[in-house]
Amino acid sequence: PIEVEKTLTAHPGVAEAAVLGVDDEQYGQRLAAFVVLDKGASVEVDELKQHVRDNLANYKVPRDITLLPALPRGSTGKILRNELRNR
């Protein structure tokens, strides 16, 4: 997932991203991405998927990309991935 996170954050309209594996009935697990856009940026989910597809192998493209106003963080500033997984 870190490779996909780095690719997503390399997009000019993305401020930060978190990617994690979520359960999938068909494949066991699949990638899900949670993205915070730069202030004033207007980016579509399909554009982000294409950006990943252009830079990484097709199987690394997250099936779900969710745009959020901010990533949930704990008191230490660490991203709360369990909260993202529960969404």
PDB file of N, CA and C in Angstrom:
ATOM      1  N   PRO A   1       0.790  -1.225   0.000  1.00  0.00           N
ATOM      2  CA  PRO A   1       0.000   0.000   0.000  1.00  0.00           C
ATOM      3  C   PRO A   1       0.827   1.284   0.000  1.00  0.00           C
ATOM      4  N   ILE A   2       2.043   1.243   0.558  1.00  0.00           N
ATOM      5  CA  ILE A   2       2.843   2.466   0.631  1.00  0.00           C
ATOM      6  C   ILE A   2       3.205   2.973  -0.765  1.00  0.00           C
ATOM      7  N   GLU A   3       3.430   2.062  -1.687  1.00  0.00           N
ATOM      8  CA  GLU A   3       3.753   2.453  -3.065  1.00  0.00           C
ATOM      9  C   GLU A   3       2.563   3.179  -3.708  1.00  0.00           C
ATOM     10  N   VAL A   4       1.370   2.708  -3.443  1.00  0.00           N
ATOM     11  CA  VAL A   4       0.169   3.338  -3.981  1.00  0.00           C
ATOM     12  C   VAL A   4      -0.061   4.687  -3.301  1.00  0.00           C
ATOM     13  N   GLU A   5       0.191   4.767  -1.992  1.00  0.00           N
ATOM     14  CA  GLU A   5       0.068   6.054  -1.272  1.00  0.00           C
ATOM     15  C   GLU A   5       1.007   7.094  -1.877  1.00  0.00           C
ATOM     16  N   LYS A   6       2.247   6.705  -2.104  1.00  0.00           N
ATOM     17  CA  LYS A   6       3.229   7.645  -2.673  1.00  0.00           C
ATOM     18  C   LYS A   6       2.807   8.096  -4.068  1.00  0.00           C
ATOM     19  N   THR A   7       2.260   7.179  -4.854  1.00  0.00           N
ATOM     20  CA  THR A   7       1.809   7.530  -6.198  1.00  0.00           C
ATOM     21  C   THR A   7       0.629   8.492  -6.136  1.00  0.00           C
ATOM     22  N   LEU A   8      -0.309   8.239  -5.244  1.00  0.00           N
ATOM     23  CA  LEU A   8      -1.461   9.140  -5.108  1.00  0.00           C
ATOM     24  C   LEU A   8      -1.027  10.530  -4.648  1.00  0.00           C
ATOM     25  N   THR A   9      -0.133  10.603  -3.673  1.00  0.00           N
ATOM     26  CA  THR A   9       0.292  11.914  -3.174  1.00  0.00           C
ATOM     27  C   THR A   9       1.167  12.649  -4.183  1.00  0.00           C
ATOM     28  N   ALA A  10       1.682  11.949  -5.186  1.00  0.00           N
ATOM     29  CA  ALA A  10       2.447  12.605  -6.248  1.00  0.00           C
ATOM     30  C   ALA A  10       1.531  13.355  -7.220  1.00  0.00           C
ATOM     31  N   HIS A  11       0.237  13.060  -7.181  1.00  0.00           N
ATOM     32  CA  HIS A  11      -0.720  13.785  -8.035  1.00  0.00           C
ATOM     33  C   HIS A  11      -0.789  15.228  -7.544  1.00  0.00           C
ATOM     34  N   PRO A  12      -0.795  16.206  -8.450  1.00  0.00           N
ATOM     35  CA  PRO A  12      -0.753  17.615  -8.036  1.00  0.00           C
ATOM     36  C   PRO A  12      -1.951  18.086  -7.213  1.00  0.00           C
ATOM     37  N   GLY A  13      -3.076  17.395  -7.252  1.00  0.00           N
ATOM     38  CA  GLY A  13      -4.251  17.835  -6.500  1.00  0.00           C
ATOM     39  C   GLY A  13      -4.443  17.136  -5.171  1.00  0.00           C
ATOM     40  N   VAL A  14      -3.501  16.250  -4.792  1.00  0.00           N
ATOM     41  CA  VAL A  14      -3.663  15.445  -3.580  1.00  0.00           C
ATOM     42  C   VAL A  14      -2.737  15.951  -2.475  1.00  0.00           C
ATOM     43  N   ALA A  15      -3.333  16.202  -1.299  1.00  0.00           N
ATOM     44  CA  ALA A  15      -2.549  16.630  -0.140  1.00  0.00           C
ATOM     45  C   ALA A  15      -1.973  15.430   0.605  1.00  0.00           C
ATOM     46  N   GLU A  16      -2.819  14.423   0.855  1.00  0.00           N
ATOM     47  CA  GLU A  16      -2.355  13.215   1.536  1.00  0.00           C
ATOM     48  C   GLU A  16      -3.275  12.052   1.210  1.00  0.00           C
ATOM     49  N   ALA A  17      -2.742  10.847   1.428  1.00  0.00           N
ATOM     50  CA  ALA A  17      -3.512   9.640   1.121  1.00  0.00           C
ATOM     51  C   ALA A  17      -3.132   8.526   2.078  1.00  0.00           C
ATOM     52  N   ALA A  18      -4.099   7.652   2.320  1.00  0.00           N
ATOM     53  CA  ALA A  18      -3.868   6.437   3.097  1.00  0.00           C
ATOM     54  C   ALA A  18      -4.467   5.277   2.300  1.00  0.00           C
ATOM     55  N   VAL A  19      -3.712   4.211   2.159  1.00  0.00           N
ATOM     56  CA  VAL A  19      -4.169   3.039   1.410  1.00  0.00           C
ATOM     57  C   VAL A  19      -4.034   1.832   2.321  1.00  0.00           C
ATOM     58  N   LEU A  20      -5.068   0.996   2.332  1.00  0.00           N
ATOM     59  CA  LEU A  20      -5.022  -0.196   3.156  1.00  0.00           C
ATOM     60  C   LEU A  20      -5.782  -1.332   2.506  1.00  0.00           C
ATOM     61  N   GLY A  21      -5.507  -2.524   2.972  1.00  0.00           N
ATOM     62  CA  GLY A  21      -6.210  -3.699   2.475  1.00  0.00           C
ATOM     63  C   GLY A  21      -7.513  -3.879   3.236  1.00  0.00           C
ATOM     64  N   VAL A  22      -8.582  -4.149   2.512  1.00  0.00           N
ATOM     65  CA  VAL A  22      -9.881  -4.414   3.127  1.00  0.00           C
ATOM     66  C   VAL A  22     -10.371  -5.775   2.633  1.00  0.00           C
ATOM     67  N   ASP A  23     -11.238  -6.396   3.425  1.00  0.00           N
ATOM     68  CA  ASP A  23     -11.754  -7.715   3.066  1.00  0.00           C
ATOM     69  C   ASP A  23     -12.569  -7.658   1.783  1.00  0.00           C
ATOM     70  N   ASP A  24     -12.430  -8.710   0.993  1.00  0.00           N
ATOM     71  CA  ASP A  24     -13.165  -8.828  -0.256  1.00  0.00           C
ATOM     72  C   ASP A  24     -13.588 -10.285  -0.414  1.00  0.00           C
ATOM     73  N   GLU A  25     -14.871 -10.516  -0.647  1.00  0.00           N
ATOM     74  CA  GLU A  25     -15.377 -11.886  -0.755  1.00  0.00           C
ATOM     75  C   GLU A  25     -14.759 -12.635  -1.929  1.00  0.00           C
ATOM     76  N   GLN A  26     -14.541 -11.964  -3.041  1.00  0.00           N
ATOM     77  CA  GLN A  26     -14.039 -12.626  -4.239  1.00  0.00           C
ATOM     78  C   GLN A  26     -12.527 -12.863  -4.196  1.00  0.00           C
ATOM     79  N   TYR A  27     -11.764 -11.867  -3.733  1.00  0.00           N
ATOM     80  CA  TYR A  27     -10.304 -11.941  -3.801  1.00  0.00           C
ATOM     81  C   TYR A  27      -9.622 -12.119  -2.443  1.00  0.00           C
ATOM     82  N   GLY A  28     -10.367 -12.106  -1.369  1.00  0.00           N
ATOM     83  CA  GLY A  28      -9.771 -12.192  -0.040  1.00  0.00           C
ATOM     84  C   GLY A  28      -9.500 -10.808   0.517  1.00  0.00           C
ATOM     85  N   GLN A  29      -8.688 -10.038  -0.206  1.00  0.00           N
ATOM     86  CA  GLN A  29      -8.430  -8.644   0.153  1.00  0.00           C
ATOM     87  C   GLN A  29      -8.268  -7.817  -1.107  1.00  0.00           C
ATOM     88  N   ARG A  30      -8.540  -6.531  -0.982  1.00  0.00           N
ATOM     89  CA  ARG A  30      -8.359  -5.588  -2.076  1.00  0.00           C
ATOM     90  C   ARG A  30      -7.907  -4.262  -1.480  1.00  0.00           C
ATOM     91  N   LEU A  31      -7.418  -3.388  -2.330  1.00  0.00           N
ATOM     92  CA  LEU A  31      -6.952  -2.083  -1.863  1.00  0.00           C
ATOM     93  C   LEU A  31      -8.093  -1.074  -1.829  1.00  0.00           C
ATOM     94  N   ALA A  32      -8.088  -0.267  -0.785  1.00  0.00           N
ATOM     95  CA  ALA A  32      -8.999   0.865  -0.671  1.00  0.00           C
ATOM     96  C   ALA A  32      -8.153   2.082  -0.315  1.00  0.00           C
ATOM     97  N   ALA A  33      -8.430   3.199  -0.972  1.00  0.00           N
ATOM     98  CA  ALA A  33      -7.658   4.418  -0.745  1.00  0.00           C
ATOM     99  C   ALA A  33      -8.556   5.506  -0.184  1.00  0.00           C
ATOM    100  N   PHE A  34      -7.991   6.302   0.698  1.00  0.00           N
ATOM    101  CA  PHE A  34      -8.677   7.449   1.292  1.00  0.00           C
ATOM    102  C   PHE A  34      -7.794   8.653   1.013  1.00  0.00           C
ATOM    103  N   VAL A  35      -8.365   9.651   0.344  1.00  0.00           N
ATOM    104  CA  VAL A  35      -7.575  10.761  -0.188  1.00  0.00           C
ATOM    105  C   VAL A  35      -8.123  12.091   0.311  1.00  0.00           C
ATOM    106  N   VAL A  36      -7.200  12.969   0.693  1.00  0.00           N
ATOM    107  CA  VAL A  36      -7.525  14.355   1.036  1.00  0.00           C
ATOM    108  C   VAL A  36      -6.940  15.224  -0.074  1.00  0.00           C
ATOM    109  N   LEU A  37      -7.795  16.027  -0.687  1.00  0.00           N
ATOM    110  CA  LEU A  37      -7.347  16.898  -1.772  1.00  0.00           C
ATOM    111  C   LEU A  37      -6.742  18.177  -1.227  1.00  0.00           C
ATOM    112  N   ASP A  38      -5.870  18.786  -2.030  1.00  0.00           N
ATOM    113  CA  ASP A  38      -5.349  20.107  -1.696  1.00  0.00           C
ATOM    114  C   ASP A  38      -6.504  21.097  -1.659  1.00  0.00           C
ATOM    115  N   LYS A  39      -6.353  22.122  -0.849  1.00  0.00           N
ATOM    116  CA  LYS A  39      -7.394  23.145  -0.750  1.00  0.00           C
ATOM    117  C   LYS A  39      -7.622  23.782  -2.119  1.00  0.00           C
ATOM    118  N   GLY A  40      -8.868  23.792  -2.544  1.00  0.00           N
ATOM    119  CA  GLY A  40      -9.222  24.378  -3.832  1.00  0.00           C
ATOM    120  C   GLY A  40      -9.064  23.446  -5.023  1.00  0.00           C
ATOM    121  N   ALA A  41      -8.535  22.249  -4.804  1.00  0.00           N
ATOM    122  CA  ALA A  41      -8.340  21.306  -5.911  1.00  0.00           C
ATOM    123  C   ALA A  41      -9.664  20.622  -6.262  1.00  0.00           C
ATOM    124  N   SER A  42      -9.819  20.340  -7.521  1.00  0.00           N
ATOM    125  CA  SER A  42     -11.003  19.631  -8.013  1.00  0.00           C
ATOM    126  C   SER A  42     -10.524  18.435  -8.820  1.00  0.00           C
ATOM    127  N   VAL A  43     -10.541  17.275  -8.189  1.00  0.00           N
ATOM    128  CA  VAL A  43     -10.044  16.062  -8.814  1.00  0.00           C
ATOM    129  C   VAL A  43     -11.119  14.988  -8.694  1.00  0.00           C
ATOM    130  N   GLU A  44     -11.352  14.273  -9.779  1.00  0.00           N
ATOM    131  CA  GLU A  44     -12.336  13.197  -9.784  1.00  0.00           C
ATOM    132  C   GLU A  44     -11.651  11.873  -9.414  1.00  0.00           C
ATOM    133  N   VAL A  45     -12.427  10.958  -8.860  1.00  0.00           N
ATOM    134  CA  VAL A  45     -11.912   9.641  -8.475  1.00  0.00           C
ATOM    135  C   VAL A  45     -11.337   8.910  -9.685  1.00  0.00           C
ATOM    136  N   ASP A  46     -12.014   8.986 -10.818  1.00  0.00           N
ATOM    137  CA  ASP A  46     -11.511   8.309 -12.025  1.00  0.00           C
ATOM    138  C   ASP A  46     -10.158   8.853 -12.461  1.00  0.00           C
ATOM    139  N   GLU A  47      -9.943  10.142 -12.264  1.00  0.00           N
ATOM    140  CA  GLU A  47      -8.644  10.746 -12.596  1.00  0.00           C
ATOM    141  C   GLU A  47      -7.552  10.188 -11.688  1.00  0.00           C
ATOM    142  N   LEU A  48      -7.867   9.994 -10.415  1.00  0.00           N
ATOM    143  CA  LEU A  48      -6.889   9.432  -9.483  1.00  0.00           C
ATOM    144  C   LEU A  48      -6.576   7.975  -9.833  1.00  0.00           C
ATOM    145  N   LYS A  49      -7.603   7.208 -10.193  1.00  0.00           N
ATOM    146  CA  LYS A  49      -7.378   5.823 -10.602  1.00  0.00           C
ATOM    147  C   LYS A  49      -6.489   5.767 -11.846  1.00  0.00           C
ATOM    148  N   GLN A  50      -6.735   6.644 -12.801  1.00  0.00           N
ATOM    149  CA  GLN A  50      -5.929   6.679 -14.016  1.00  0.00           C
ATOM    150  C   GLN A  50      -4.488   7.067 -13.701  1.00  0.00           C
ATOM    151  N   HIS A  51      -4.297   7.979 -12.755  1.00  0.00           N
ATOM    152  CA  HIS A  51      -2.953   8.392 -12.343  1.00  0.00           C
ATOM    153  C   HIS A  51      -2.177   7.192 -11.784  1.00  0.00           C
ATOM    154  N   VAL A  52      -2.843   6.385 -10.948  1.00  0.00           N
ATOM    155  CA  VAL A  52      -2.186   5.199 -10.405  1.00  0.00           C
ATOM    156  C   VAL A  52      -1.910   4.200 -11.531  1.00  0.00           C
ATOM    157  N   ARG A  53      -2.881   3.995 -12.396  1.00  0.00           N
ATOM    158  CA  ARG A  53      -2.742   3.058 -13.519  1.00  0.00           C
ATOM    159  C   ARG A  53      -1.576   3.462 -14.435  1.00  0.00           C
ATOM    160  N   ASP A  54      -1.391   4.764 -14.629  1.00  0.00           N
ATOM    161  CA  ASP A  54      -0.315   5.264 -15.493  1.00  0.00           C
ATOM    162  C   ASP A  54       1.071   5.058 -14.879  1.00  0.00           C
ATOM    163  N   ASN A  55       1.123   4.940 -13.545  1.00  0.00           N
ATOM    164  CA  ASN A  55       2.414   4.879 -12.862  1.00  0.00           C
ATOM    165  C   ASN A  55       2.738   3.536 -12.221  1.00  0.00           C
ATOM    166  N   LEU A  56       1.735   2.681 -12.049  1.00  0.00           N
ATOM    167  CA  LEU A  56       1.945   1.382 -11.419  1.00  0.00           C
ATOM    168  C   LEU A  56       1.224   0.297 -12.219  1.00  0.00           C
ATOM    169  N   ALA A  57       1.428  -0.933 -11.837  1.00  0.00           N
ATOM    170  CA  ALA A  57       0.748  -2.054 -12.489  1.00  0.00           C
ATOM    171  C   ALA A  57      -0.764  -1.957 -12.251  1.00  0.00           C
ATOM    172  N   ASN A  58      -1.528  -2.446 -13.184  1.00  0.00           N
ATOM    173  CA  ASN A  58      -2.987  -2.343 -13.143  1.00  0.00           C
ATOM    174  C   ASN A  58      -3.585  -2.953 -11.873  1.00  0.00           C
ATOM    175  N   TYR A  59      -2.997  -4.043 -11.370  1.00  0.00           N
ATOM    176  CA  TYR A  59      -3.553  -4.694 -10.186  1.00  0.00           C
ATOM    177  C   TYR A  59      -3.342  -3.877  -8.906  1.00  0.00           C
ATOM    178  N   LYS A  60      -2.534  -2.842  -8.971  1.00  0.00           N
ATOM    179  CA  LYS A  60      -2.298  -1.996  -7.802  1.00  0.00           C
ATOM    180  C   LYS A  60      -3.265  -0.815  -7.715  1.00  0.00           C
ATOM    181  N   VAL A  61      -4.141  -0.671  -8.695  1.00  0.00           N
ATOM    182  CA  VAL A  61      -5.118   0.417  -8.687  1.00  0.00           C
ATOM    183  C   VAL A  61      -6.202   0.090  -7.662  1.00  0.00           C
ATOM    184  N   PRO A  62      -6.411   0.954  -6.662  1.00  0.00           N
ATOM    185  CA  PRO A  62      -7.464   0.689  -5.674  1.00  0.00           C
ATOM    186  C   PRO A  62      -8.839   0.662  -6.333  1.00  0.00           C
ATOM    187  N   ARG A  63      -9.651  -0.321  -5.968  1.00  0.00           N
ATOM    188  CA  ARG A  63     -10.998  -0.395  -6.506  1.00  0.00           C
ATOM    189  C   ARG A  63     -11.847   0.756  -5.954  1.00  0.00           C
ATOM    190  N   ASP A  64     -11.633   1.091  -4.684  1.00  0.00           N
ATOM    191  CA  ASP A  64     -12.393   2.170  -4.044  1.00  0.00           C
ATOM    192  C   ASP A  64     -11.448   3.291  -3.645  1.00  0.00           C
ATOM    193  N   ILE A  65     -11.789   4.503  -4.049  1.00  0.00           N
ATOM    194  CA  ILE A  65     -11.085   5.694  -3.588  1.00  0.00           C
ATOM    195  C   ILE A  65     -12.134   6.613  -2.993  1.00  0.00           C
ATOM    196  N   THR A  66     -11.943   6.941  -1.722  1.00  0.00           N
ATOM    197  CA  THR A  66     -12.881   7.802  -1.006  1.00  0.00           C
ATOM    198  C   THR A  66     -12.216   9.138  -0.741  1.00  0.00           C
ATOM    199  N   LEU A  67     -12.884  10.211  -1.147  1.00  0.00           N
ATOM    200  CA  LEU A  67     -12.373  11.555  -0.880  1.00  0.00           C
ATOM    201  C   LEU A  67     -12.889  12.009   0.479  1.00  0.00           C
ATOM    202  N   LEU A  68     -11.971  12.461   1.330  1.00  0.00           N
ATOM    203  CA  LEU A  68     -12.319  12.913   2.678  1.00  0.00           C
ATOM    204  C   LEU A  68     -11.812  14.335   2.903  1.00  0.00           C
ATOM    205  N   PRO A  69     -12.467  15.081   3.797  1.00  0.00           N
ATOM    206  CA  PRO A  69     -11.955  16.417   4.129  1.00  0.00           C
ATOM    207  C   PRO A  69     -10.658  16.349   4.936  1.00  0.00           C
ATOM    208  N   ALA A  70     -10.483  15.264   5.718  1.00  0.00           N
ATOM    209  CA  ALA A  70      -9.264  15.051   6.504  1.00  0.00           C
ATOM    210  C   ALA A  70      -9.195  13.581   6.884  1.00  0.00           C
ATOM    211  N   LEU A  71      -7.983  13.089   7.087  1.00  0.00           N
ATOM    212  CA  LEU A  71      -7.807  11.722   7.553  1.00  0.00           C
ATOM    213  C   LEU A  71      -7.934  11.700   9.077  1.00  0.00           C
ATOM    214  N   PRO A  72      -8.582  10.671   9.631  1.00  0.00           N
ATOM    215  CA  PRO A  72      -8.701  10.612  11.092  1.00  0.00           C
ATOM    216  C   PRO A  72      -7.335  10.355  11.724  1.00  0.00           C
ATOM    217  N   ARG A  73      -7.037  11.115  12.749  1.00  0.00           N
ATOM    218  CA  ARG A  73      -5.736  10.997  13.414  1.00  0.00           C
ATOM    219  C   ARG A  73      -5.925  10.885  14.919  1.00  0.00           C
ATOM    220  N   GLY A  74      -4.989  10.174  15.544  1.00  0.00           N
ATOM    221  CA  GLY A  74      -4.980  10.050  16.999  1.00  0.00           C
ATOM    222  C   GLY A  74      -4.278  11.232  17.625  1.00  0.00           C
ATOM    223  N   SER A  75      -4.130  11.181  18.926  1.00  0.00           N
ATOM    224  CA  SER A  75      -3.512  12.298  19.656  1.00  0.00           C
ATOM    225  C   SER A  75      -2.043  12.502  19.290  1.00  0.00           C
ATOM    226  N   THR A  76      -1.397  11.461  18.765  1.00  0.00           N
ATOM    227  CA  THR A  76       0.013  11.587  18.366  1.00  0.00           C
ATOM    228  C   THR A  76       0.162  12.025  16.912  1.00  0.00           C
ATOM    229  N   GLY A  77      -0.966  12.161  16.202  1.00  0.00           N
ATOM    230  CA  GLY A  77      -0.920  12.576  14.804  1.00  0.00           C
ATOM    231  C   GLY A  77      -0.882  11.417  13.827  1.00  0.00           C
ATOM    232  N   LYS A  78      -0.857  10.199  14.345  1.00  0.00           N
ATOM    233  CA  LYS A  78      -0.817   9.015  13.485  1.00  0.00           C
ATOM    234  C   LYS A  78      -2.205   8.764  12.885  1.00  0.00           C
ATOM    235  N   ILE A  79      -2.219   8.354  11.611  1.00  0.00           N
ATOM    236  CA  ILE A  79      -3.490   8.064  10.932  1.00  0.00           C
ATOM    237  C   ILE A  79      -4.135   6.845  11.588  1.00  0.00           C
ATOM    238  N   LEU A  80      -5.423   6.969  11.906  1.00  0.00           N
ATOM    239  CA  LEU A  80      -6.166   5.869  12.525  1.00  0.00           C
ATOM    240  C   LEU A  80      -6.735   4.968  11.428  1.00  0.00           C
ATOM    241  N   ARG A  81      -5.951   4.003  11.015  1.00  0.00           N
ATOM    242  CA  ARG A  81      -6.331   3.128   9.906  1.00  0.00           C
ATOM    243  C   ARG A  81      -7.545   2.250  10.242  1.00  0.00           C
ATOM    244  N   ASN A  82      -7.711   1.898  11.512  1.00  0.00           N
ATOM    245  CA  ASN A  82      -8.889   1.104  11.876  1.00  0.00           C
ATOM    246  C   ASN A  82     -10.176   1.879  11.640  1.00  0.00           C
ATOM    247  N   GLU A  83     -10.165   3.170  11.882  1.00  0.00           N
ATOM    248  CA  GLU A  83     -11.341   3.993  11.601  1.00  0.00           C
ATOM    249  C   GLU A  83     -11.622   4.030  10.105  1.00  0.00           C
ATOM    250  N   LEU A  84     -10.576   4.100   9.308  1.00  0.00           N
ATOM    251  CA  LEU A  84     -10.762   4.078   7.857  1.00  0.00           C
ATOM    252  C   LEU A  84     -11.308   2.729   7.392  1.00  0.00           C
ATOM    253  N   ARG A  85     -10.779   1.672   7.967  1.00  0.00           N
ATOM    254  CA  ARG A  85     -11.202   0.316   7.586  1.00  0.00           C
ATOM    255  C   ARG A  85     -12.692   0.117   7.899  1.00  0.00           C
ATOM    256  N   ASN A  86     -13.187   0.737   8.955  1.00  0.00           N
ATOM    257  CA  ASN A  86     -14.585   0.585   9.364  1.00  0.00           C
ATOM    258  C   ASN A  86     -15.552   1.404   8.503  1.00  0.00           C
ATOM    259  N   ARG A  87     -15.059   2.274   7.650  1.00  0.00           N
ATOM    260  CA  ARG A  87     -15.940   3.111   6.822  1.00  0.00           C
ATOM    261  C   ARG A  87     -16.570   2.308   5.720  1.00  0.00           C
TER     262      ARG A  87
END
